[in-house]
């Protein structure tokens, strides 16, 4: 745990617990929110063909939808749980590793 605290720049086990809770809530919530978001856009599983390629296309689109939803929820939950600074820095680092760092400048 000490290595993790040092790497993340946090000082207490309580913060680690909160960070793990935020990651768990964010992952679950982003999966839950992605389906209605696609339905809102008119993209349901029935809009895709019933063969394997249609299924792959739908689920690939759903995974792509999960990514931005996850990013927003991560910072939001981090703010709610009082760890906004940690998660904002985490977001900036993750997006810069993906080559999207210019979005946050």
PDB file of N, CA and C in Angstrom:
ATOM      1  N   UNK A   1       0.811  -1.196   0.000  1.00  0.00           N
ATOM      2  CA  UNK A   1       0.000   0.000   0.000  1.00  0.00           C
ATOM      3  C   UNK A   1       0.854   1.260   0.000  1.00  0.00           C
ATOM      4  N   UNK A   2       1.992   1.190   0.659  1.00  0.00           N
ATOM      5  CA  UNK A   2       2.843   2.376   0.721  1.00  0.00           C
ATOM      6  C   UNK A   2       3.357   2.770  -0.659  1.00  0.00           C
ATOM      7  N   UNK A   3       3.660   1.767  -1.500  1.00  0.00           N
ATOM      8  CA  UNK A   3       4.102   2.079  -2.866  1.00  0.00           C
ATOM      9  C   UNK A   3       3.000   2.793  -3.637  1.00  0.00           C
ATOM     10  N   UNK A   4       1.777   2.313  -3.477  1.00  0.00           N
ATOM     11  CA  UNK A   4       0.645   2.924  -4.160  1.00  0.00           C
ATOM     12  C   UNK A   4       0.406   4.341  -3.658  1.00  0.00           C
ATOM     13  N   UNK A   5       0.482   4.535  -2.358  1.00  0.00           N
ATOM     14  CA  UNK A   5       0.305   5.882  -1.804  1.00  0.00           C
ATOM     15  C   UNK A   5       1.388   6.822  -2.317  1.00  0.00           C
ATOM     16  N   UNK A   6       2.611   6.330  -2.376  1.00  0.00           N
ATOM     17  CA  UNK A   6       3.708   7.162  -2.865  1.00  0.00           C
ATOM     18  C   UNK A   6       3.538   7.473  -4.348  1.00  0.00           C
ATOM     19  N   UNK A   7       3.164   6.479  -5.126  1.00  0.00           N
ATOM     20  CA  UNK A   7       2.993   6.682  -6.578  1.00  0.00           C
ATOM     21  C   UNK A   7       1.875   7.676  -6.875  1.00  0.00           C
ATOM     22  N   UNK A   8       0.775   7.558  -6.139  1.00  0.00           N
ATOM     23  CA  UNK A   8      -0.368   8.432  -6.370  1.00  0.00           C
ATOM     24  C   UNK A   8      -0.252   9.756  -5.628  1.00  0.00           C
ATOM     25  N   UNK A   9       0.711   9.895  -4.760  1.00  0.00           N
ATOM     26  CA  UNK A   9       0.889  11.143  -4.033  1.00  0.00           C
ATOM     27  C   UNK A   9      -0.189  11.396  -2.999  1.00  0.00           C
ATOM     28  N   UNK A  10      -0.637  10.351  -2.348  1.00  0.00           N
ATOM     29  CA  UNK A  10      -1.657  10.496  -1.306  1.00  0.00           C
ATOM     30  C   UNK A  10      -1.044  10.084   0.028  1.00  0.00           C
ATOM     31  N   UNK A  11      -1.718  10.448   1.101  1.00  0.00           N
ATOM     32  CA  UNK A  11      -1.090  10.272   2.408  1.00  0.00           C
ATOM     33  C   UNK A  11      -1.764   9.250   3.317  1.00  0.00           C
ATOM     34  N   UNK A  12      -2.995   8.862   3.041  1.00  0.00           N
ATOM     35  CA  UNK A  12      -3.675   7.989   3.998  1.00  0.00           C
ATOM     36  C   UNK A  12      -4.348   6.801   3.322  1.00  0.00           C
ATOM     37  N   UNK A  13      -4.563   5.773   4.118  1.00  0.00           N
ATOM     38  CA  UNK A  13      -5.302   4.603   3.637  1.00  0.00           C
ATOM     39  C   UNK A  13      -6.764   4.959   3.355  1.00  0.00           C
ATOM     40  N   UNK A  14      -7.271   5.935   4.071  1.00  0.00           N
ATOM     41  CA  UNK A  14      -8.650   6.401   3.860  1.00  0.00           C
ATOM     42  C   UNK A  14      -8.814   6.929   2.434  1.00  0.00           C
ATOM     43  N   UNK A  15      -7.830   7.678   1.949  1.00  0.00           N
ATOM     44  CA  UNK A  15      -7.879   8.190   0.579  1.00  0.00           C
ATOM     45  C   UNK A  15      -7.851   7.054  -0.427  1.00  0.00           C
ATOM     46  N   UNK A  16      -7.051   6.020  -0.166  1.00  0.00           N
ATOM     47  CA  UNK A  16      -7.009   4.866  -1.075  1.00  0.00           C
ATOM     48  C   UNK A  16      -8.383   4.214  -1.136  1.00  0.00           C
ATOM     49  N   UNK A  17      -9.021   4.040   0.005  1.00  0.00           N
ATOM     50  CA  UNK A  17     -10.355   3.446   0.040  1.00  0.00           C
ATOM     51  C   UNK A  17     -11.343   4.276  -0.779  1.00  0.00           C
ATOM     52  N   UNK A  18     -11.317   5.573  -0.595  1.00  0.00           N
ATOM     53  CA  UNK A  18     -12.220   6.452  -1.350  1.00  0.00           C
ATOM     54  C   UNK A  18     -11.929   6.356  -2.849  1.00  0.00           C
ATOM     55  N   UNK A  19     -10.661   6.333  -3.213  1.00  0.00           N
ATOM     56  CA  UNK A  19     -10.280   6.257  -4.630  1.00  0.00           C
ATOM     57  C   UNK A  19     -10.767   4.946  -5.237  1.00  0.00           C
ATOM     58  N   UNK A  20     -10.615   3.846  -4.517  1.00  0.00           N
ATOM     59  CA  UNK A  20     -11.104   2.558  -5.021  1.00  0.00           C
ATOM     60  C   UNK A  20     -12.627   2.560  -5.161  1.00  0.00           C
ATOM     61  N   UNK A  21     -13.319   3.171  -4.214  1.00  0.00           N
ATOM     62  CA  UNK A  21     -14.779   3.270  -4.289  1.00  0.00           C
ATOM     63  C   UNK A  21     -15.182   4.078  -5.515  1.00  0.00           C
ATOM     64  N   UNK A  22     -14.491   5.188  -5.753  1.00  0.00           N
ATOM     65  CA  UNK A  22     -14.806   6.027  -6.913  1.00  0.00           C
ATOM     66  C   UNK A  22     -14.571   5.254  -8.208  1.00  0.00           C
ATOM     67  N   UNK A  23     -13.459   4.533  -8.315  1.00  0.00           N
ATOM     68  CA  UNK A  23     -13.207   3.733  -9.519  1.00  0.00           C
ATOM     69  C   UNK A  23     -14.303   2.680  -9.719  1.00  0.00           C
ATOM     70  N   UNK A  24     -14.712   2.031  -8.645  1.00  0.00           N
ATOM     71  CA  UNK A  24     -15.764   1.021  -8.743  1.00  0.00           C
ATOM     72  C   UNK A  24     -17.096   1.603  -9.172  1.00  0.00           C
ATOM     73  N   UNK A  25     -17.493   2.702  -8.541  1.00  0.00           N
ATOM     74  CA  UNK A  25     -18.752   3.355  -8.913  1.00  0.00           C
ATOM     75  C   UNK A  25     -18.729   3.857 -10.349  1.00  0.00           C
ATOM     76  N   UNK A  26     -17.595   4.405 -10.753  1.00  0.00           N
ATOM     77  CA  UNK A  26     -17.481   4.948 -12.102  1.00  0.00           C
ATOM     78  C   UNK A  26     -17.599   3.852 -13.148  1.00  0.00           C
ATOM     79  N   UNK A  27     -16.921   2.748 -12.939  1.00  0.00           N
ATOM     80  CA  UNK A  27     -16.994   1.648 -13.889  1.00  0.00           C
ATOM     81  C   UNK A  27     -18.405   1.102 -14.025  1.00  0.00           C
ATOM     82  N   UNK A  28     -19.045   0.864 -12.904  1.00  0.00           N
ATOM     83  CA  UNK A  28     -20.410   0.342 -12.918  1.00  0.00           C
ATOM     84  C   UNK A  28     -21.380   1.342 -13.539  1.00  0.00           C
ATOM     85  N   UNK A  29     -21.262   2.587 -13.151  1.00  0.00           N
ATOM     86  CA  UNK A  29     -22.176   3.615 -13.657  1.00  0.00           C
ATOM     87  C   UNK A  29     -22.013   3.847 -15.151  1.00  0.00           C
ATOM     88  N   UNK A  30     -20.770   3.823 -15.627  1.00  0.00           N
ATOM     89  CA  UNK A  30     -20.563   4.071 -17.060  1.00  0.00           C
ATOM     90  C   UNK A  30     -21.173   2.958 -17.900  1.00  0.00           C
ATOM     91  N   UNK A  31     -21.108   1.726 -17.424  1.00  0.00           N
ATOM     92  CA  UNK A  31     -21.767   0.625 -18.138  1.00  0.00           C
ATOM     93  C   UNK A  31     -23.279   0.808 -18.124  1.00  0.00           C
ATOM     94  N   UNK A  32     -23.799   1.251 -17.000  1.00  0.00           N
ATOM     95  CA  UNK A  32     -25.231   1.444 -16.845  1.00  0.00           C
ATOM     96  C   UNK A  32     -25.747   2.599 -17.712  1.00  0.00           C
ATOM     97  N   UNK A  33     -24.968   3.660 -17.844  1.00  0.00           N
ATOM     98  CA  UNK A  33     -25.394   4.865 -18.556  1.00  0.00           C
ATOM     99  C   UNK A  33     -25.222   4.737 -20.070  1.00  0.00           C
ATOM    100  N   UNK A  34     -24.285   3.932 -20.525  1.00  0.00           N
ATOM    101  CA  UNK A  34     -23.987   3.863 -21.962  1.00  0.00           C
ATOM    102  C   UNK A  34     -25.166   3.350 -22.776  1.00  0.00           C
ATOM    103  N   UNK A  35     -25.885   2.352 -22.278  1.00  0.00           N
ATOM    104  CA  UNK A  35     -27.003   1.797 -23.039  1.00  0.00           C
ATOM    105  C   UNK A  35     -28.112   2.831 -23.263  1.00  0.00           C
ATOM    106  N   UNK A  36     -28.601   3.516 -22.214  1.00  0.00           N
ATOM    107  CA  UNK A  36     -29.621   4.539 -22.463  1.00  0.00           C
ATOM    108  C   UNK A  36     -29.113   5.691 -23.340  1.00  0.00           C
ATOM    109  N   UNK A  37     -27.818   5.998 -23.232  1.00  0.00           N
ATOM    110  CA  UNK A  37     -27.270   7.068 -24.069  1.00  0.00           C
ATOM    111  C   UNK A  37     -27.330   6.666 -25.541  1.00  0.00           C
ATOM    112  N   UNK A  38     -27.001   5.424 -25.841  1.00  0.00           N
ATOM    113  CA  UNK A  38     -27.108   4.950 -27.222  1.00  0.00           C
ATOM    114  C   UNK A  38     -28.559   4.912 -27.674  1.00  0.00           C
ATOM    115  N   UNK A  39     -29.461   4.488 -26.798  1.00  0.00           N
ATOM    116  CA  UNK A  39     -30.882   4.462 -27.148  1.00  0.00           C
ATOM    117  C   UNK A  39     -31.400   5.871 -27.419  1.00  0.00           C
ATOM    118  N   UNK A  40     -30.916   6.843 -26.653  1.00  0.00           N
ATOM    119  CA  UNK A  40     -31.302   8.234 -26.874  1.00  0.00           C
ATOM    120  C   UNK A  40     -30.888   8.695 -28.272  1.00  0.00           C
ATOM    121  N   UNK A  41     -29.742   8.204 -28.729  1.00  0.00           N
ATOM    122  CA  UNK A  41     -29.263   8.528 -30.075  1.00  0.00           C
ATOM    123  C   UNK A  41     -29.929   7.681 -31.153  1.00  0.00           C
ATOM    124  N   UNK A  42     -30.820   6.779 -30.740  1.00  0.00           N
ATOM    125  CA  UNK A  42     -31.522   5.931 -31.700  1.00  0.00           C
ATOM    126  C   UNK A  42     -30.725   4.718 -32.142  1.00  0.00           C
ATOM    127  N   UNK A  43     -29.727   4.336 -31.376  1.00  0.00           N
ATOM    128  CA  UNK A  43     -28.877   3.199 -31.725  1.00  0.00           C
ATOM    129  C   UNK A  43     -29.111   2.067 -30.733  1.00  0.00           C
ATOM    130  N   UNK A  44     -30.054   1.190 -31.060  1.00  0.00           N
ATOM    131  CA  UNK A  44     -30.320   0.031 -30.224  1.00  0.00           C
ATOM    132  C   UNK A  44     -29.772  -1.210 -30.907  1.00  0.00           C
ATOM    133  N   UNK A  45     -29.727  -2.291 -30.185  1.00  0.00           N
ATOM    134  CA  UNK A  45     -29.200  -3.542 -30.752  1.00  0.00           C
ATOM    135  C   UNK A  45     -30.036  -3.978 -31.943  1.00  0.00           C
ATOM    136  N   UNK A  46     -31.317  -3.646 -31.955  1.00  0.00           N
ATOM    137  CA  UNK A  46     -32.205  -4.052 -33.050  1.00  0.00           C
ATOM    138  C   UNK A  46     -31.903  -3.287 -34.338  1.00  0.00           C
ATOM    139  N   UNK A  47     -31.211  -2.155 -34.252  1.00  0.00           N
ATOM    140  CA  UNK A  47     -30.846  -1.387 -35.442  1.00  0.00           C
ATOM    141  C   UNK A  47     -29.706  -2.037 -36.216  1.00  0.00           C
ATOM    142  N   UNK A  48     -29.023  -2.985 -35.591  1.00  0.00           N
ATOM    143  CA  UNK A  48     -27.896  -3.653 -36.220  1.00  0.00           C
ATOM    144  C   UNK A  48     -28.339  -5.031 -36.687  1.00  0.00           C
ATOM    145  N   UNK A  49     -27.662  -5.552 -37.684  1.00  0.00           N
ATOM    146  CA  UNK A  49     -28.044  -6.863 -38.203  1.00  0.00           C
ATOM    147  C   UNK A  49     -27.886  -7.933 -37.124  1.00  0.00           C
ATOM    148  N   UNK A  50     -28.599  -9.042 -37.297  1.00  0.00           N
ATOM    149  CA  UNK A  50     -28.600 -10.080 -36.278  1.00  0.00           C
ATOM    150  C   UNK A  50     -27.410 -11.033 -36.395  1.00  0.00           C
ATOM    151  N   UNK A  51     -26.575 -10.853 -37.403  1.00  0.00           N
ATOM    152  CA  UNK A  51     -25.414 -11.735 -37.528  1.00  0.00           C
ATOM    153  C   UNK A  51     -24.274 -11.281 -36.613  1.00  0.00           C
ATOM    154  N   UNK A  52     -23.186 -11.981 -36.673  1.00  0.00           N
ATOM    155  CA  UNK A  52     -22.044 -11.690 -35.799  1.00  0.00           C
ATOM    156  C   UNK A  52     -21.491 -10.289 -36.023  1.00  0.00           C
ATOM    157  N   UNK A  53     -21.415  -9.854 -37.267  1.00  0.00           N
ATOM    158  CA  UNK A  53     -20.861  -8.534 -37.579  1.00  0.00           C
ATOM    159  C   UNK A  53     -21.712  -7.408 -36.988  1.00  0.00           C
ATOM    160  N   UNK A  54     -23.014  -7.585 -37.007  1.00  0.00           N
ATOM    161  CA  UNK A  54     -23.898  -6.586 -36.407  1.00  0.00           C
ATOM    162  C   UNK A  54     -23.714  -6.504 -34.906  1.00  0.00           C
ATOM    163  N   UNK A  55     -23.564  -7.652 -34.256  1.00  0.00           N
ATOM    164  CA  UNK A  55     -23.333  -7.681 -32.815  1.00  0.00           C
ATOM    165  C   UNK A  55     -22.013  -7.037 -32.447  1.00  0.00           C
ATOM    166  N   UNK A  56     -20.986  -7.344 -33.230  1.00  0.00           N
ATOM    167  CA  UNK A  56     -19.672  -6.754 -32.979  1.00  0.00           C
ATOM    168  C   UNK A  56     -19.734  -5.242 -33.165  1.00  0.00           C
ATOM    169  N   UNK A  57     -20.432  -4.799 -34.195  1.00  0.00           N
ATOM    170  CA  UNK A  57     -20.563  -3.364 -34.449  1.00  0.00           C
ATOM    171  C   UNK A  57     -21.274  -2.643 -33.319  1.00  0.00           C
ATOM    172  N   UNK A  58     -22.372  -3.232 -32.841  1.00  0.00           N
ATOM    173  CA  UNK A  58     -23.126  -2.607 -31.753  1.00  0.00           C
ATOM    174  C   UNK A  58     -22.289  -2.520 -30.482  1.00  0.00           C
ATOM    175  N   UNK A  59     -21.657  -3.614 -30.112  1.00  0.00           N
ATOM    176  CA  UNK A  59     -20.893  -3.616 -28.866  1.00  0.00           C
ATOM    177  C   UNK A  59     -19.618  -2.790 -28.975  1.00  0.00           C
ATOM    178  N   UNK A  60     -19.042  -2.699 -30.157  1.00  0.00           N
ATOM    179  CA  UNK A  60     -17.894  -1.810 -30.346  1.00  0.00           C
ATOM    180  C   UNK A  60     -18.332  -0.360 -30.155  1.00  0.00           C
ATOM    181  N   UNK A  61     -19.485  -0.010 -30.698  1.00  0.00           N
ATOM    182  CA  UNK A  61     -20.019   1.342 -30.528  1.00  0.00           C
ATOM    183  C   UNK A  61     -20.344   1.617 -29.060  1.00  0.00           C
ATOM    184  N   UNK A  62     -20.855   0.610 -28.387  1.00  0.00           N
ATOM    185  CA  UNK A  62     -21.181   0.777 -26.971  1.00  0.00           C
ATOM    186  C   UNK A  62     -19.915   0.994 -26.139  1.00  0.00           C
ATOM    187  N   UNK A  63     -18.861   0.265 -26.450  1.00  0.00           N
ATOM    188  CA  UNK A  63     -17.593   0.451 -25.744  1.00  0.00           C
ATOM    189  C   UNK A  63     -17.040   1.840 -26.023  1.00  0.00           C
ATOM    190  N   UNK A  64     -17.156   2.295 -27.261  1.00  0.00           N
ATOM    191  CA  UNK A  64     -16.701   3.649 -27.588  1.00  0.00           C
ATOM    192  C   UNK A  64     -17.515   4.703 -26.846  1.00  0.00           C
ATOM    193  N   UNK A  65     -18.778   4.420 -26.606  1.00  0.00           N
ATOM    194  CA  UNK A  65     -19.632   5.353 -25.865  1.00  0.00           C
ATOM    195  C   UNK A  65     -19.270   5.350 -24.382  1.00  0.00           C
ATOM    196  N   UNK A  66     -18.837   4.205 -23.879  1.00  0.00           N
ATOM    197  CA  UNK A  66     -18.485   4.099 -22.467  1.00  0.00           C
ATOM    198  C   UNK A  66     -17.289   4.984 -22.145  1.00  0.00           C
ATOM    199  N   UNK A  67     -16.327   5.097 -23.051  1.00  0.00           N
ATOM    200  CA  UNK A  67     -15.099   5.845 -22.772  1.00  0.00           C
ATOM    201  C   UNK A  67     -15.360   7.290 -22.345  1.00  0.00           C
ATOM    202  N   UNK A  68     -16.071   8.113 -23.131  1.00  0.00           N
ATOM    203  CA  UNK A  68     -16.289   9.498 -22.662  1.00  0.00           C
ATOM    204  C   UNK A  68     -17.188   9.582 -21.432  1.00  0.00           C
ATOM    205  N   UNK A  69     -18.155   8.669 -21.341  1.00  0.00           N
ATOM    206  CA  UNK A  69     -19.023   8.660 -20.158  1.00  0.00           C
ATOM    207  C   UNK A  69     -18.186   8.378 -18.916  1.00  0.00           C
ATOM    208  N   UNK A  70     -17.266   7.433 -19.020  1.00  0.00           N
ATOM    209  CA  UNK A  70     -16.387   7.083 -17.902  1.00  0.00           C
ATOM    210  C   UNK A  70     -15.547   8.278 -17.469  1.00  0.00           C
ATOM    211  N   UNK A  71     -15.009   9.016 -18.430  1.00  0.00           N
ATOM    212  CA  UNK A  71     -14.156  10.161 -18.113  1.00  0.00           C
ATOM    213  C   UNK A  71     -14.924  11.217 -17.320  1.00  0.00           C
ATOM    214  N   UNK A  72     -16.121  11.507 -17.750  1.00  0.00           N
ATOM    215  CA  UNK A  72     -16.936  12.522 -17.075  1.00  0.00           C
ATOM    216  C   UNK A  72     -17.352  12.049 -15.684  1.00  0.00           C
ATOM    217  N   UNK A  73     -17.797  10.800 -15.595  1.00  0.00           N
ATOM    218  CA  UNK A  73     -18.234  10.283 -14.300  1.00  0.00           C
ATOM    219  C   UNK A  73     -17.083  10.179 -13.308  1.00  0.00           C
ATOM    220  N   UNK A  74     -15.896   9.848 -13.787  1.00  0.00           N
ATOM    221  CA  UNK A  74     -14.746   9.719 -12.894  1.00  0.00           C
ATOM    222  C   UNK A  74     -14.457  11.035 -12.181  1.00  0.00           C
ATOM    223  N   UNK A  75     -14.430  12.106 -12.918  1.00  0.00           N
ATOM    224  CA  UNK A  75     -14.166  13.412 -12.313  1.00  0.00           C
ATOM    225  C   UNK A  75     -15.352  13.845 -11.445  1.00  0.00           C
ATOM    226  N   UNK A  76     -16.569  13.542 -11.884  1.00  0.00           N
ATOM    227  CA  UNK A  76     -17.755  13.913 -11.110  1.00  0.00           C
ATOM    228  C   UNK A  76     -17.790  13.191  -9.771  1.00  0.00           C
ATOM    229  N   UNK A  77     -17.611  11.875  -9.798  1.00  0.00           N
ATOM    230  CA  UNK A  77     -17.583  11.121  -8.535  1.00  0.00           C
ATOM    231  C   UNK A  77     -16.392  11.538  -7.672  1.00  0.00           C
ATOM    232  N   UNK A  78     -15.278  11.822  -8.294  1.00  0.00           N
ATOM    233  CA  UNK A  78     -14.126  12.307  -7.540  1.00  0.00           C
ATOM    234  C   UNK A  78     -14.449  13.594  -6.818  1.00  0.00           C
ATOM    235  N   UNK A  79     -15.172  14.477  -7.475  1.00  0.00           N
ATOM    236  CA  UNK A  79     -15.588  15.737  -6.849  1.00  0.00           C
ATOM    237  C   UNK A  79     -16.559  15.471  -5.697  1.00  0.00           C
ATOM    238  N   UNK A  80     -17.532  14.587  -5.931  1.00  0.00           N
ATOM    239  CA  UNK A  80     -18.517  14.275  -4.889  1.00  0.00           C
ATOM    240  C   UNK A  80     -17.841  13.707  -3.641  1.00  0.00           C
ATOM    241  N   UNK A  81     -16.828  12.868  -3.836  1.00  0.00           N
ATOM    242  CA  UNK A  81     -16.145  12.228  -2.716  1.00  0.00           C
ATOM    243  C   UNK A  81     -14.946  13.028  -2.199  1.00  0.00           C
ATOM    244  N   UNK A  82     -14.785  14.253  -2.686  1.00  0.00           N
ATOM    245  CA  UNK A  82     -13.741  15.121  -2.165  1.00  0.00           C
ATOM    246  C   UNK A  82     -12.338  14.821  -2.681  1.00  0.00           C
ATOM    247  N   UNK A  83     -12.241  14.143  -3.794  1.00  0.00           N
ATOM    248  CA  UNK A  83     -10.944  13.788  -4.360  1.00  0.00           C
ATOM    249  C   UNK A  83     -10.794  14.348  -5.774  1.00  0.00           C
ATOM    250  N   UNK A  84     -11.389  15.514  -6.015  1.00  0.00           N
ATOM    251  CA  UNK A  84     -11.371  16.092  -7.362  1.00  0.00           C
ATOM    252  C   UNK A  84      -9.951  16.283  -7.859  1.00  0.00           C
ATOM    253  N   UNK A  85      -9.077  16.823  -7.069  1.00  0.00           N
ATOM    254  CA  UNK A  85      -7.706  17.113  -7.504  1.00  0.00           C
ATOM    255  C   UNK A  85      -7.005  15.841  -7.988  1.00  0.00           C
ATOM    256  N   UNK A  86      -7.152  14.752  -7.235  1.00  0.00           N
ATOM    257  CA  UNK A  86      -6.517  13.490  -7.630  1.00  0.00           C
ATOM    258  C   UNK A  86      -7.057  13.013  -8.973  1.00  0.00           C
ATOM    259  N   UNK A  87      -8.376  13.001  -9.111  1.00  0.00           N
ATOM    260  CA  UNK A  87      -8.968  12.460 -10.337  1.00  0.00           C
ATOM    261  C   UNK A  87      -8.788  13.398 -11.520  1.00  0.00           C
ATOM    262  N   UNK A  88      -8.726  14.681 -11.305  1.00  0.00           N
ATOM    263  CA  UNK A  88      -8.456  15.609 -12.405  1.00  0.00           C
ATOM    264  C   UNK A  88      -7.044  15.378 -12.939  1.00  0.00           C
ATOM    265  N   UNK A  89      -6.091  15.209 -12.041  1.00  0.00           N
ATOM    266  CA  UNK A  89      -4.725  14.907 -12.456  1.00  0.00           C
ATOM    267  C   UNK A  89      -4.657  13.545 -13.141  1.00  0.00           C
ATOM    268  N   UNK A  90      -5.396  12.583 -12.621  1.00  0.00           N
ATOM    269  CA  UNK A  90      -5.451  11.250 -13.218  1.00  0.00           C
ATOM    270  C   UNK A  90      -5.990  11.325 -14.649  1.00  0.00           C
ATOM    271  N   UNK A  91      -7.052  12.108 -14.843  1.00  0.00           N
ATOM    272  CA  UNK A  91      -7.638  12.301 -16.174  1.00  0.00           C
ATOM    273  C   UNK A  91      -6.631  12.912 -17.136  1.00  0.00           C
ATOM    274  N   UNK A  92      -5.973  13.971 -16.689  1.00  0.00           N
ATOM    275  CA  UNK A  92      -5.001  14.639 -17.554  1.00  0.00           C
ATOM    276  C   UNK A  92      -3.883  13.683 -17.952  1.00  0.00           C
ATOM    277  N   UNK A  93      -3.396  12.897 -17.009  1.00  0.00           N
ATOM    278  CA  UNK A  93      -2.337  11.933 -17.325  1.00  0.00           C
ATOM    279  C   UNK A  93      -2.822  10.863 -18.300  1.00  0.00           C
ATOM    280  N   UNK A  94      -4.019  10.347 -18.075  1.00  0.00           N
ATOM    281  CA  UNK A  94      -4.544   9.292 -18.936  1.00  0.00           C
ATOM    282  C   UNK A  94      -4.790   9.806 -20.352  1.00  0.00           C
ATOM    283  N   UNK A  95      -5.386  10.956 -20.477  1.00  0.00           N
ATOM    284  CA  UNK A  95      -5.663  11.490 -21.807  1.00  0.00           C
ATOM    285  C   UNK A  95      -4.380  11.876 -22.540  1.00  0.00           C
ATOM    286  N   UNK A  96      -3.389  12.354 -21.817  1.00  0.00           N
ATOM    287  CA  UNK A  96      -2.125  12.687 -22.487  1.00  0.00           C
ATOM    288  C   UNK A  96      -1.427  11.422 -22.973  1.00  0.00           C
ATOM    289  N   UNK A  97      -1.530  10.319 -22.228  1.00  0.00           N
ATOM    290  CA  UNK A  97      -0.963   9.045 -22.687  1.00  0.00           C
ATOM    291  C   UNK A  97      -1.665   8.539 -23.933  1.00  0.00           C
ATOM    292  N   UNK A  98      -2.931   8.877 -24.090  1.00  0.00           N
ATOM    293  CA  UNK A  98      -3.688   8.466 -25.270  1.00  0.00           C
ATOM    294  C   UNK A  98      -3.524   9.445 -26.422  1.00  0.00           C
ATOM    295  N   UNK A  99      -2.738  10.496 -26.210  1.00  0.00           N
ATOM    296  CA  UNK A  99      -2.538  11.496 -27.245  1.00  0.00           C
ATOM    297  C   UNK A  99      -3.636  12.532 -27.326  1.00  0.00           C
ATOM    298  N   UNK A 100      -4.469  12.598 -26.309  1.00  0.00           N
ATOM    299  CA  UNK A 100      -5.586  13.554 -26.289  1.00  0.00           C
ATOM    300  C   UNK A 100      -5.370  14.663 -25.269  1.00  0.00           C
ATOM    301  N   UNK A 101      -4.151  14.878 -24.853  1.00  0.00           N
ATOM    302  CA  UNK A 101      -3.855  15.855 -23.816  1.00  0.00           C
ATOM    303  C   UNK A 101      -4.200  17.278 -24.189  1.00  0.00           C
ATOM    304  N   UNK A 102      -4.243  17.570 -25.472  1.00  0.00           N
ATOM    305  CA  UNK A 102      -4.558  18.946 -25.912  1.00  0.00           C
ATOM    306  C   UNK A 102      -5.999  19.334 -25.606  1.00  0.00           C
ATOM    307  N   UNK A 103      -6.854  18.361 -25.411  1.00  0.00           N
ATOM    308  CA  UNK A 103      -8.265  18.641 -25.121  1.00  0.00           C
ATOM    309  C   UNK A 103      -8.392  19.426 -23.819  1.00  0.00           C
ATOM    310  N   UNK A 104      -7.543  19.136 -22.856  1.00  0.00           N
ATOM    311  CA  UNK A 104      -7.673  19.741 -21.523  1.00  0.00           C
ATOM    312  C   UNK A 104      -6.874  21.038 -21.366  1.00  0.00           C
ATOM    313  N   UNK A 105      -6.186  21.480 -22.391  1.00  0.00           N
ATOM    314  CA  UNK A 105      -5.397  22.708 -22.276  1.00  0.00           C
ATOM    315  C   UNK A 105      -6.213  23.927 -22.561  1.00  0.00           C
TER     316      UNK A 105
END
